[in-house]
């Protein structure tokens, strides 16, 4: 049976491995798709572009998600709630890296 993880759990697993294994971290930055495959993620969609960014104490990475359907009619407060919820949803509003 395949292990199905959401985006948040998947990214946590990737980070833990990168923190523990400096060689994996280098490989992940240089060739993310290959590093993830070596980690056991064999079902990465071919059309999925993967960018790896190192966030450090003086470098803040902001992920801009796709806007939800009908976002033009929502208030800024409603949009903020949706954006906050996207981080806790199954795929964070984006494509999942699952099946490893």
PDB file of N, CA and C in Angstrom:
ATOM      1  N   UNK A   1       0.839  -1.184   0.000  1.00  0.00           N
ATOM      2  CA  UNK A   1       0.000   0.000   0.000  1.00  0.00           C
ATOM      3  C   UNK A   1       0.880   1.242   0.000  1.00  0.00           C
ATOM      4  N   UNK A   2       0.529   2.233  -0.808  1.00  0.00           N
ATOM      5  CA  UNK A   2       1.294   3.460  -0.897  1.00  0.00           C
ATOM      6  C   UNK A   2       1.042   4.350   0.312  1.00  0.00           C
ATOM      7  N   UNK A   3       2.073   5.052   0.692  1.00  0.00           N
ATOM      8  CA  UNK A   3       1.981   6.024   1.776  1.00  0.00           C
ATOM      9  C   UNK A   3       1.499   7.337   1.168  1.00  0.00           C
ATOM     10  N   UNK A   4       0.322   7.821   1.559  1.00  0.00           N
ATOM     11  CA  UNK A   4      -0.232   9.051   0.997  1.00  0.00           C
ATOM     12  C   UNK A   4      -0.100  10.167   2.022  1.00  0.00           C
ATOM     13  N   UNK A   5       0.680  11.172   1.696  1.00  0.00           N
ATOM     14  CA  UNK A   5       0.888  12.307   2.586  1.00  0.00           C
ATOM     15  C   UNK A   5       0.418  13.572   1.899  1.00  0.00           C
ATOM     16  N   UNK A   6      -0.026  14.526   2.699  1.00  0.00           N
ATOM     17  CA  UNK A   6      -0.350  15.833   2.172  1.00  0.00           C
ATOM     18  C   UNK A   6       0.927  16.636   1.963  1.00  0.00           C
ATOM     19  N   UNK A   7       0.764  17.785   1.384  1.00  0.00           N
ATOM     20  CA  UNK A   7       1.926  18.618   1.070  1.00  0.00           C
ATOM     21  C   UNK A   7       2.724  18.988   2.319  1.00  0.00           C
ATOM     22  N   UNK A   8       2.034  19.378   3.363  1.00  0.00           N
ATOM     23  CA  UNK A   8       2.714  19.805   4.586  1.00  0.00           C
ATOM     24  C   UNK A   8       3.550  18.671   5.176  1.00  0.00           C
ATOM     25  N   UNK A   9       2.982  17.481   5.236  1.00  0.00           N
ATOM     26  CA  UNK A   9       3.705  16.321   5.760  1.00  0.00           C
ATOM     27  C   UNK A   9       4.879  15.946   4.865  1.00  0.00           C
ATOM     28  N   UNK A  10       4.669  16.029   3.550  1.00  0.00           N
ATOM     29  CA  UNK A  10       5.724  15.708   2.599  1.00  0.00           C
ATOM     30  C   UNK A  10       6.894  16.669   2.751  1.00  0.00           C
ATOM     31  N   UNK A  11       6.591  17.969   2.833  1.00  0.00           N
ATOM     32  CA  UNK A  11       7.651  18.955   2.991  1.00  0.00           C
ATOM     33  C   UNK A  11       8.376  18.777   4.324  1.00  0.00           C
ATOM     34  N   UNK A  12       7.663  18.377   5.364  1.00  0.00           N
ATOM     35  CA  UNK A  12       8.302  18.127   6.664  1.00  0.00           C
ATOM     36  C   UNK A  12       9.285  16.965   6.544  1.00  0.00           C
ATOM     37  N   UNK A  13       8.898  15.905   5.854  1.00  0.00           N
ATOM     38  CA  UNK A  13       9.777  14.742   5.671  1.00  0.00           C
ATOM     39  C   UNK A  13      11.019  15.135   4.864  1.00  0.00           C
ATOM     40  N   UNK A  14      10.826  15.923   3.820  1.00  0.00           N
ATOM     41  CA  UNK A  14      11.945  16.373   2.988  1.00  0.00           C
ATOM     42  C   UNK A  14      12.901  17.235   3.816  1.00  0.00           C
ATOM     43  N   UNK A  15      12.349  18.169   4.587  1.00  0.00           N
ATOM     44  CA  UNK A  15      13.187  19.036   5.424  1.00  0.00           C
ATOM     45  C   UNK A  15      13.971  18.231   6.446  1.00  0.00           C
ATOM     46  N   UNK A  16      13.318  17.275   7.103  1.00  0.00           N
ATOM     47  CA  UNK A  16      14.001  16.466   8.114  1.00  0.00           C
ATOM     48  C   UNK A  16      15.188  15.733   7.499  1.00  0.00           C
ATOM     49  N   UNK A  17      14.988  15.167   6.319  1.00  0.00           N
ATOM     50  CA  UNK A  17      16.088  14.451   5.651  1.00  0.00           C
ATOM     51  C   UNK A  17      17.197  15.429   5.263  1.00  0.00           C
ATOM     52  N   UNK A  18      16.833  16.595   4.755  1.00  0.00           N
ATOM     53  CA  UNK A  18      17.838  17.586   4.353  1.00  0.00           C
ATOM     54  C   UNK A  18      18.624  18.115   5.545  1.00  0.00           C
ATOM     55  N   UNK A  19      17.975  18.264   6.687  1.00  0.00           N
ATOM     56  CA  UNK A  19      18.668  18.725   7.897  1.00  0.00           C
ATOM     57  C   UNK A  19      19.664  17.679   8.374  1.00  0.00           C
ATOM     58  N   UNK A  20      19.281  16.423   8.281  1.00  0.00           N
ATOM     59  CA  UNK A  20      20.101  15.341   8.807  1.00  0.00           C
ATOM     60  C   UNK A  20      21.210  14.926   7.839  1.00  0.00           C
ATOM     61  N   UNK A  21      20.979  15.073   6.542  1.00  0.00           N
ATOM     62  CA  UNK A  21      21.888  14.571   5.517  1.00  0.00           C
ATOM     63  C   UNK A  21      22.344  15.705   4.591  1.00  0.00           C
ATOM     64  N   UNK A  22      23.512  16.314   4.861  1.00  0.00           N
ATOM     65  CA  UNK A  22      23.999  17.433   4.047  1.00  0.00           C
ATOM     66  C   UNK A  22      24.170  17.079   2.564  1.00  0.00           C
ATOM     67  N   UNK A  23      24.510  15.838   2.263  1.00  0.00           N
ATOM     68  CA  UNK A  23      24.658  15.437   0.855  1.00  0.00           C
ATOM     69  C   UNK A  23      23.302  15.436   0.153  1.00  0.00           C
ATOM     70  N   UNK A  24      22.278  14.958   0.851  1.00  0.00           N
ATOM     71  CA  UNK A  24      20.924  14.997   0.281  1.00  0.00           C
ATOM     72  C   UNK A  24      20.506  16.440   0.051  1.00  0.00           C
ATOM     73  N   UNK A  25      20.807  17.319   0.994  1.00  0.00           N
ATOM     74  CA  UNK A  25      20.462  18.742   0.868  1.00  0.00           C
ATOM     75  C   UNK A  25      21.088  19.340  -0.385  1.00  0.00           C
ATOM     76  N   UNK A  26      22.364  19.059  -0.617  1.00  0.00           N
ATOM     77  CA  UNK A  26      23.047  19.561  -1.817  1.00  0.00           C
ATOM     78  C   UNK A  26      22.386  19.018  -3.078  1.00  0.00           C
ATOM     79  N   UNK A  27      22.086  17.717  -3.067  1.00  0.00           N
ATOM     80  CA  UNK A  27      21.456  17.072  -4.220  1.00  0.00           C
ATOM     81  C   UNK A  27      20.060  17.653  -4.464  1.00  0.00           C
ATOM     82  N   UNK A  28      19.327  17.906  -3.387  1.00  0.00           N
ATOM     83  CA  UNK A  28      17.979  18.457  -3.491  1.00  0.00           C
ATOM     84  C   UNK A  28      18.002  19.836  -4.155  1.00  0.00           C
ATOM     85  N   UNK A  29      18.983  20.635  -3.800  1.00  0.00           N
ATOM     86  CA  UNK A  29      19.103  21.973  -4.387  1.00  0.00           C
ATOM     87  C   UNK A  29      19.534  21.880  -5.852  1.00  0.00           C
ATOM     88  N   UNK A  30      20.483  20.994  -6.156  1.00  0.00           N
ATOM     89  CA  UNK A  30      21.017  20.866  -7.515  1.00  0.00           C
ATOM     90  C   UNK A  30      20.046  20.173  -8.476  1.00  0.00           C
ATOM     91  N   UNK A  31      19.356  19.130  -7.993  1.00  0.00           N
ATOM     92  CA  UNK A  31      18.475  18.345  -8.860  1.00  0.00           C
ATOM     93  C   UNK A  31      17.329  17.781  -8.021  1.00  0.00           C
ATOM     94  N   UNK A  32      16.320  18.635  -7.725  1.00  0.00           N
ATOM     95  CA  UNK A  32      15.253  18.217  -6.810  1.00  0.00           C
ATOM     96  C   UNK A  32      14.511  16.965  -7.246  1.00  0.00           C
ATOM     97  N   UNK A  33      14.195  16.847  -8.507  1.00  0.00           N
ATOM     98  CA  UNK A  33      13.420  15.694  -8.985  1.00  0.00           C
ATOM     99  C   UNK A  33      14.180  14.390  -8.713  1.00  0.00           C
ATOM    100  N   UNK A  34      15.467  14.363  -9.029  1.00  0.00           N
ATOM    101  CA  UNK A  34      16.261  13.162  -8.810  1.00  0.00           C
ATOM    102  C   UNK A  34      16.400  12.867  -7.320  1.00  0.00           C
ATOM    103  N   UNK A  35      16.637  13.897  -6.512  1.00  0.00           N
ATOM    104  CA  UNK A  35      16.778  13.699  -5.065  1.00  0.00           C
ATOM    105  C   UNK A  35      15.497  13.126  -4.467  1.00  0.00           C
ATOM    106  N   UNK A  36      14.351  13.631  -4.904  1.00  0.00           N
ATOM    107  CA  UNK A  36      13.074  13.134  -4.387  1.00  0.00           C
ATOM    108  C   UNK A  36      12.825  11.693  -4.828  1.00  0.00           C
ATOM    109  N   UNK A  37      13.207  11.373  -6.058  1.00  0.00           N
ATOM    110  CA  UNK A  37      13.061   9.986  -6.522  1.00  0.00           C
ATOM    111  C   UNK A  37      13.933   9.055  -5.690  1.00  0.00           C
ATOM    112  N   UNK A  38      15.170   9.492  -5.394  1.00  0.00           N
ATOM    113  CA  UNK A  38      16.061   8.679  -4.572  1.00  0.00           C
ATOM    114  C   UNK A  38      15.508   8.517  -3.155  1.00  0.00           C
ATOM    115  N   UNK A  39      14.678   9.460  -2.731  1.00  0.00           N
ATOM    116  CA  UNK A  39      14.058   9.407  -1.417  1.00  0.00           C
ATOM    117  C   UNK A  39      12.857   8.459  -1.415  1.00  0.00           C
ATOM    118  N   UNK A  40      12.451   8.007  -2.605  1.00  0.00           N
ATOM    119  CA  UNK A  40      11.348   7.063  -2.706  1.00  0.00           C
ATOM    120  C   UNK A  40      10.098   7.623  -3.345  1.00  0.00           C
ATOM    121  N   UNK A  41      10.130   8.864  -3.771  1.00  0.00           N
ATOM    122  CA  UNK A  41       8.962   9.476  -4.410  1.00  0.00           C
ATOM    123  C   UNK A  41       9.006   9.175  -5.904  1.00  0.00           C
ATOM    124  N   UNK A  42       8.344   8.124  -6.305  1.00  0.00           N
ATOM    125  CA  UNK A  42       8.400   7.671  -7.689  1.00  0.00           C
ATOM    126  C   UNK A  42       7.269   8.214  -8.558  1.00  0.00           C
ATOM    127  N   UNK A  43       6.240   8.786  -7.965  1.00  0.00           N
ATOM    128  CA  UNK A  43       5.058   9.216  -8.716  1.00  0.00           C
ATOM    129  C   UNK A  43       4.997  10.724  -8.891  1.00  0.00           C
ATOM    130  N   UNK A  44       6.119  11.352  -9.198  1.00  0.00           N
ATOM    131  CA  UNK A  44       6.138  12.797  -9.399  1.00  0.00           C
ATOM    132  C   UNK A  44       5.657  13.081 -10.824  1.00  0.00           C
ATOM    133  N   UNK A  45       4.558  13.825 -10.977  1.00  0.00           N
ATOM    134  CA  UNK A  45       4.062  14.111 -12.329  1.00  0.00           C
ATOM    135  C   UNK A  45       5.115  14.822 -13.178  1.00  0.00           C
ATOM    136  N   UNK A  46       5.258  14.404 -14.430  1.00  0.00           N
ATOM    137  CA  UNK A  46       6.269  14.969 -15.329  1.00  0.00           C
ATOM    138  C   UNK A  46       6.096  16.477 -15.513  1.00  0.00           C
ATOM    139  N   UNK A  47       4.847  16.955 -15.486  1.00  0.00           N
ATOM    140  CA  UNK A  47       4.582  18.368 -15.720  1.00  0.00           C
ATOM    141  C   UNK A  47       4.788  19.226 -14.470  1.00  0.00           C
ATOM    142  N   UNK A  48       5.057  18.602 -13.323  1.00  0.00           N
ATOM    143  CA  UNK A  48       5.231  19.342 -12.078  1.00  0.00           C
ATOM    144  C   UNK A  48       6.624  19.947 -12.012  1.00  0.00           C
ATOM    145  N   UNK A  49       6.693  21.265 -11.972  1.00  0.00           N
ATOM    146  CA  UNK A  49       7.960  21.972 -11.824  1.00  0.00           C
ATOM    147  C   UNK A  49       8.264  22.061 -10.327  1.00  0.00           C
ATOM    148  N   UNK A  50       9.504  21.761  -9.954  1.00  0.00           N
ATOM    149  CA  UNK A  50       9.886  21.769  -8.541  1.00  0.00           C
ATOM    150  C   UNK A  50      11.005  22.776  -8.332  1.00  0.00           C
ATOM    151  N   UNK A  51      10.776  23.744  -7.469  1.00  0.00           N
ATOM    152  CA  UNK A  51      11.800  24.715  -7.095  1.00  0.00           C
ATOM    153  C   UNK A  51      12.137  24.510  -5.630  1.00  0.00           C
ATOM    154  N   UNK A  52      13.414  24.495  -5.324  1.00  0.00           N
ATOM    155  CA  UNK A  52      13.868  24.372  -3.943  1.00  0.00           C
ATOM    156  C   UNK A  52      14.553  25.682  -3.579  1.00  0.00           C
ATOM    157  N   UNK A  53      14.104  26.279  -2.483  1.00  0.00           N
ATOM    158  CA  UNK A  53      14.683  27.525  -1.997  1.00  0.00           C
ATOM    159  C   UNK A  53      15.140  27.312  -0.568  1.00  0.00           C
ATOM    160  N   UNK A  54      16.285  27.858  -0.254  1.00  0.00           N
ATOM    161  CA  UNK A  54      16.784  27.764   1.120  1.00  0.00           C
ATOM    162  C   UNK A  54      16.351  29.013   1.868  1.00  0.00           C
ATOM    163  N   UNK A  55      15.539  28.827   2.890  1.00  0.00           N
ATOM    164  CA  UNK A  55      15.147  29.951   3.735  1.00  0.00           C
ATOM    165  C   UNK A  55      16.106  29.990   4.913  1.00  0.00           C
ATOM    166  N   UNK A  56      16.703  31.142   5.108  1.00  0.00           N
ATOM    167  CA  UNK A  56      17.658  31.322   6.195  1.00  0.00           C
ATOM    168  C   UNK A  56      17.227  32.518   7.020  1.00  0.00           C
ATOM    169  N   UNK A  57      17.945  32.789   8.112  1.00  0.00           N
ATOM    170  CA  UNK A  57      17.517  33.851   9.016  1.00  0.00           C
ATOM    171  C   UNK A  57      17.448  35.214   8.323  1.00  0.00           C
ATOM    172  N   UNK A  58      18.224  35.422   7.266  1.00  0.00           N
ATOM    173  CA  UNK A  58      18.183  36.696   6.560  1.00  0.00           C
ATOM    174  C   UNK A  58      17.618  36.574   5.144  1.00  0.00           C
ATOM    175  N   UNK A  59      16.868  35.487   4.908  1.00  0.00           N
ATOM    176  CA  UNK A  59      16.265  35.244   3.594  1.00  0.00           C
ATOM    177  C   UNK A  59      14.893  34.614   3.809  1.00  0.00           C
ATOM    178  N   UNK A  60      13.862  35.344   3.486  1.00  0.00           N
ATOM    179  CA  UNK A  60      12.487  34.911   3.698  1.00  0.00           C
ATOM    180  C   UNK A  60      11.885  34.480   2.372  1.00  0.00           C
ATOM    181  N   UNK A  61      11.400  33.264   2.261  1.00  0.00           N
ATOM    182  CA  UNK A  61      10.761  32.749   1.045  1.00  0.00           C
ATOM    183  C   UNK A  61       9.250  32.816   1.212  1.00  0.00           C
ATOM    184  N   UNK A  62       8.587  33.420   0.256  1.00  0.00           N
ATOM    185  CA  UNK A  62       7.133  33.531   0.277  1.00  0.00           C
ATOM    186  C   UNK A  62       6.587  32.716  -0.895  1.00  0.00           C
ATOM    187  N   UNK A  63       5.654  31.813  -0.610  1.00  0.00           N
ATOM    188  CA  UNK A  63       5.028  31.002  -1.648  1.00  0.00           C
ATOM    189  C   UNK A  63       3.725  31.671  -2.038  1.00  0.00           C
ATOM    190  N   UNK A  64       3.626  32.053  -3.304  1.00  0.00           N
ATOM    191  CA  UNK A  64       2.379  32.639  -3.812  1.00  0.00           C
ATOM    192  C   UNK A  64       1.542  31.523  -4.424  1.00  0.00           C
ATOM    193  N   UNK A  65       0.413  31.256  -3.834  1.00  0.00           N
ATOM    194  CA  UNK A  65      -0.473  30.185  -4.282  1.00  0.00           C
ATOM    195  C   UNK A  65      -1.405  30.684  -5.396  1.00  0.00           C
ATOM    196  N   UNK A  66      -1.982  29.742  -6.118  1.00  0.00           N
ATOM    197  CA  UNK A  66      -2.988  30.077  -7.117  1.00  0.00           C
ATOM    198  C   UNK A  66      -4.215  30.626  -6.401  1.00  0.00           C
ATOM    199  N   UNK A  67      -4.836  31.690  -6.918  1.00  0.00           N
ATOM    200  CA  UNK A  67      -6.035  32.209  -6.253  1.00  0.00           C
ATOM    201  C   UNK A  67      -7.207  31.239  -6.401  1.00  0.00           C
ATOM    202  N   UNK A  68      -8.102  31.234  -5.406  1.00  0.00           N
ATOM    203  CA  UNK A  68      -9.262  30.344  -5.480  1.00  0.00           C
ATOM    204  C   UNK A  68     -10.264  30.829  -6.524  1.00  0.00           C
ATOM    205  N   UNK A  69     -11.103  29.919  -6.990  1.00  0.00           N
ATOM    206  CA  UNK A  69     -12.161  30.280  -7.934  1.00  0.00           C
ATOM    207  C   UNK A  69     -13.058  31.339  -7.305  1.00  0.00           C
ATOM    208  N   UNK A  70     -13.433  32.324  -8.069  1.00  0.00           N
ATOM    209  CA  UNK A  70     -14.334  33.363  -7.591  1.00  0.00           C
ATOM    210  C   UNK A  70     -13.700  34.352  -6.631  1.00  0.00           C
ATOM    211  N   UNK A  71     -12.378  34.423  -6.612  1.00  0.00           N
ATOM    212  CA  UNK A  71     -11.695  35.277  -5.634  1.00  0.00           C
ATOM    213  C   UNK A  71     -11.999  36.759  -5.818  1.00  0.00           C
ATOM    214  N   UNK A  72     -12.373  37.161  -7.015  1.00  0.00           N
ATOM    215  CA  UNK A  72     -12.628  38.579  -7.288  1.00  0.00           C
ATOM    216  C   UNK A  72     -13.792  39.150  -6.492  1.00  0.00           C
ATOM    217  N   UNK A  73     -14.726  38.302  -6.100  1.00  0.00           N
ATOM    218  CA  UNK A  73     -15.900  38.777  -5.370  1.00  0.00           C
ATOM    219  C   UNK A  73     -15.733  38.678  -3.852  1.00  0.00           C
ATOM    220  N   UNK A  74     -14.584  38.175  -3.393  1.00  0.00           N
ATOM    221  CA  UNK A  74     -14.355  38.002  -1.956  1.00  0.00           C
ATOM    222  C   UNK A  74     -13.655  39.214  -1.350  1.00  0.00           C
ATOM    223  N   UNK A  75     -13.949  39.451  -0.075  1.00  0.00           N
ATOM    224  CA  UNK A  75     -13.290  40.557   0.629  1.00  0.00           C
ATOM    225  C   UNK A  75     -11.847  40.147   0.960  1.00  0.00           C
ATOM    226  N   UNK A  76     -11.042  41.122   1.322  1.00  0.00           N
ATOM    227  CA  UNK A  76      -9.653  40.833   1.695  1.00  0.00           C
ATOM    228  C   UNK A  76      -9.611  39.905   2.915  1.00  0.00           C
ATOM    229  N   UNK A  77     -10.524  40.117   3.852  1.00  0.00           N
ATOM    230  CA  UNK A  77     -10.593  39.269   5.051  1.00  0.00           C
ATOM    231  C   UNK A  77     -10.919  37.824   4.677  1.00  0.00           C
ATOM    232  N   UNK A  78     -11.892  37.637   3.762  1.00  0.00           N
ATOM    233  CA  UNK A  78     -12.254  36.286   3.322  1.00  0.00           C
ATOM    234  C   UNK A  78     -11.076  35.619   2.597  1.00  0.00           C
ATOM    235  N   UNK A  79     -10.372  36.406   1.775  1.00  0.00           N
ATOM    236  CA  UNK A  79      -9.220  35.867   1.059  1.00  0.00           C
ATOM    237  C   UNK A  79      -8.110  35.460   2.023  1.00  0.00           C
ATOM    238  N   UNK A  80      -7.886  36.258   3.074  1.00  0.00           N
ATOM    239  CA  UNK A  80      -6.860  35.920   4.073  1.00  0.00           C
ATOM    240  C   UNK A  80      -7.193  34.611   4.776  1.00  0.00           C
ATOM    241  N   UNK A  81      -8.471  34.403   5.079  1.00  0.00           N
ATOM    242  CA  UNK A  81      -8.890  33.153   5.722  1.00  0.00           C
ATOM    243  C   UNK A  81      -8.651  31.963   4.792  1.00  0.00           C
ATOM    244  N   UNK A  82      -8.974  32.131   3.513  1.00  0.00           N
ATOM    245  CA  UNK A  82      -8.751  31.056   2.544  1.00  0.00           C
ATOM    246  C   UNK A  82      -7.259  30.766   2.389  1.00  0.00           C
ATOM    247  N   UNK A  83      -6.448  31.806   2.341  1.00  0.00           N
ATOM    248  CA  UNK A  83      -5.001  31.626   2.192  1.00  0.00           C
ATOM    249  C   UNK A  83      -4.427  30.899   3.403  1.00  0.00           C
ATOM    250  N   UNK A  84      -4.881  31.252   4.594  1.00  0.00           N
ATOM    251  CA  UNK A  84      -4.403  30.590   5.812  1.00  0.00           C
ATOM    252  C   UNK A  84      -4.831  29.126   5.822  1.00  0.00           C
ATOM    253  N   UNK A  85      -6.039  28.843   5.370  1.00  0.00           N
ATOM    254  CA  UNK A  85      -6.543  27.469   5.349  1.00  0.00           C
ATOM    255  C   UNK A  85      -5.798  26.631   4.314  1.00  0.00           C
ATOM    256  N   UNK A  86      -5.341  27.245   3.226  1.00  0.00           N
ATOM    257  CA  UNK A  86      -4.650  26.510   2.163  1.00  0.00           C
ATOM    258  C   UNK A  86      -3.402  25.827   2.693  1.00  0.00           C
ATOM    259  N   UNK A  87      -2.719  26.433   3.658  1.00  0.00           N
ATOM    260  CA  UNK A  87      -1.514  25.832   4.215  1.00  0.00           C
ATOM    261  C   UNK A  87      -1.813  24.580   5.017  1.00  0.00           C
ATOM    262  N   UNK A  88      -3.030  24.445   5.501  1.00  0.00           N
ATOM    263  CA  UNK A  88      -3.348  23.279   6.315  1.00  0.00           C
ATOM    264  C   UNK A  88      -4.125  22.215   5.540  1.00  0.00           C
ATOM    265  N   UNK A  89      -4.498  22.510   4.301  1.00  0.00           N
ATOM    266  CA  UNK A  89      -5.266  21.545   3.503  1.00  0.00           C
ATOM    267  C   UNK A  89      -4.354  20.485   2.914  1.00  0.00           C
ATOM    268  N   UNK A  90      -4.945  19.460   2.390  1.00  0.00           N
ATOM    269  CA  UNK A  90      -4.251  18.276   1.878  1.00  0.00           C
ATOM    270  C   UNK A  90      -3.087  18.616   0.963  1.00  0.00           C
ATOM    271  N   UNK A  91      -3.244  19.517   0.033  1.00  0.00           N
ATOM    272  CA  UNK A  91      -2.150  19.818  -0.893  1.00  0.00           C
ATOM    273  C   UNK A  91      -1.763  21.278  -0.811  1.00  0.00           C
ATOM    274  N   UNK A  92      -2.192  21.985   0.206  1.00  0.00           N
ATOM    275  CA  UNK A  92      -1.831  23.378   0.334  1.00  0.00           C
ATOM    276  C   UNK A  92      -2.302  24.210  -0.847  1.00  0.00           C
ATOM    277  N   UNK A  93      -3.327  23.738  -1.528  1.00  0.00           N
ATOM    278  CA  UNK A  93      -3.821  24.477  -2.683  1.00  0.00           C
ATOM    279  C   UNK A  93      -3.036  24.186  -3.944  1.00  0.00           C
ATOM    280  N   UNK A  94      -2.039  23.302  -3.886  1.00  0.00           N
ATOM    281  CA  UNK A  94      -1.222  23.005  -5.059  1.00  0.00           C
ATOM    282  C   UNK A  94      -1.135  21.526  -5.324  1.00  0.00           C
ATOM    283  N   UNK A  95      -0.213  21.155  -6.187  1.00  0.00           N
ATOM    284  CA  UNK A  95      -0.030  19.756  -6.532  1.00  0.00           C
ATOM    285  C   UNK A  95       0.642  18.994  -5.399  1.00  0.00           C
ATOM    286  N   UNK A  96       0.191  17.780  -5.173  1.00  0.00           N
ATOM    287  CA  UNK A  96       0.764  16.948  -4.110  1.00  0.00           C
ATOM    288  C   UNK A  96       1.969  16.167  -4.636  1.00  0.00           C
ATOM    289  N   UNK A  97       2.907  15.954  -3.749  1.00  0.00           N
ATOM    290  CA  UNK A  97       3.992  15.004  -3.999  1.00  0.00           C
ATOM    291  C   UNK A  97       3.683  13.843  -3.064  1.00  0.00           C
ATOM    292  N   UNK A  98       3.032  12.833  -3.571  1.00  0.00           N
ATOM    293  CA  UNK A  98       2.612  11.729  -2.724  1.00  0.00           C
ATOM    294  C   UNK A  98       2.966  10.402  -3.356  1.00  0.00           C
ATOM    295  N   UNK A  99       2.665   9.356  -2.639  1.00  0.00           N
ATOM    296  CA  UNK A  99       2.831   8.021  -3.186  1.00  0.00           C
ATOM    297  C   UNK A  99       4.224   7.446  -3.013  1.00  0.00           C
ATOM    298  N   UNK A 100       4.813   7.685  -1.874  1.00  0.00           N
ATOM    299  CA  UNK A 100       6.127   7.085  -1.588  1.00  0.00           C
ATOM    300  C   UNK A 100       6.077   6.357  -0.284  1.00  0.00           C
TER     301      UNK A 100
END
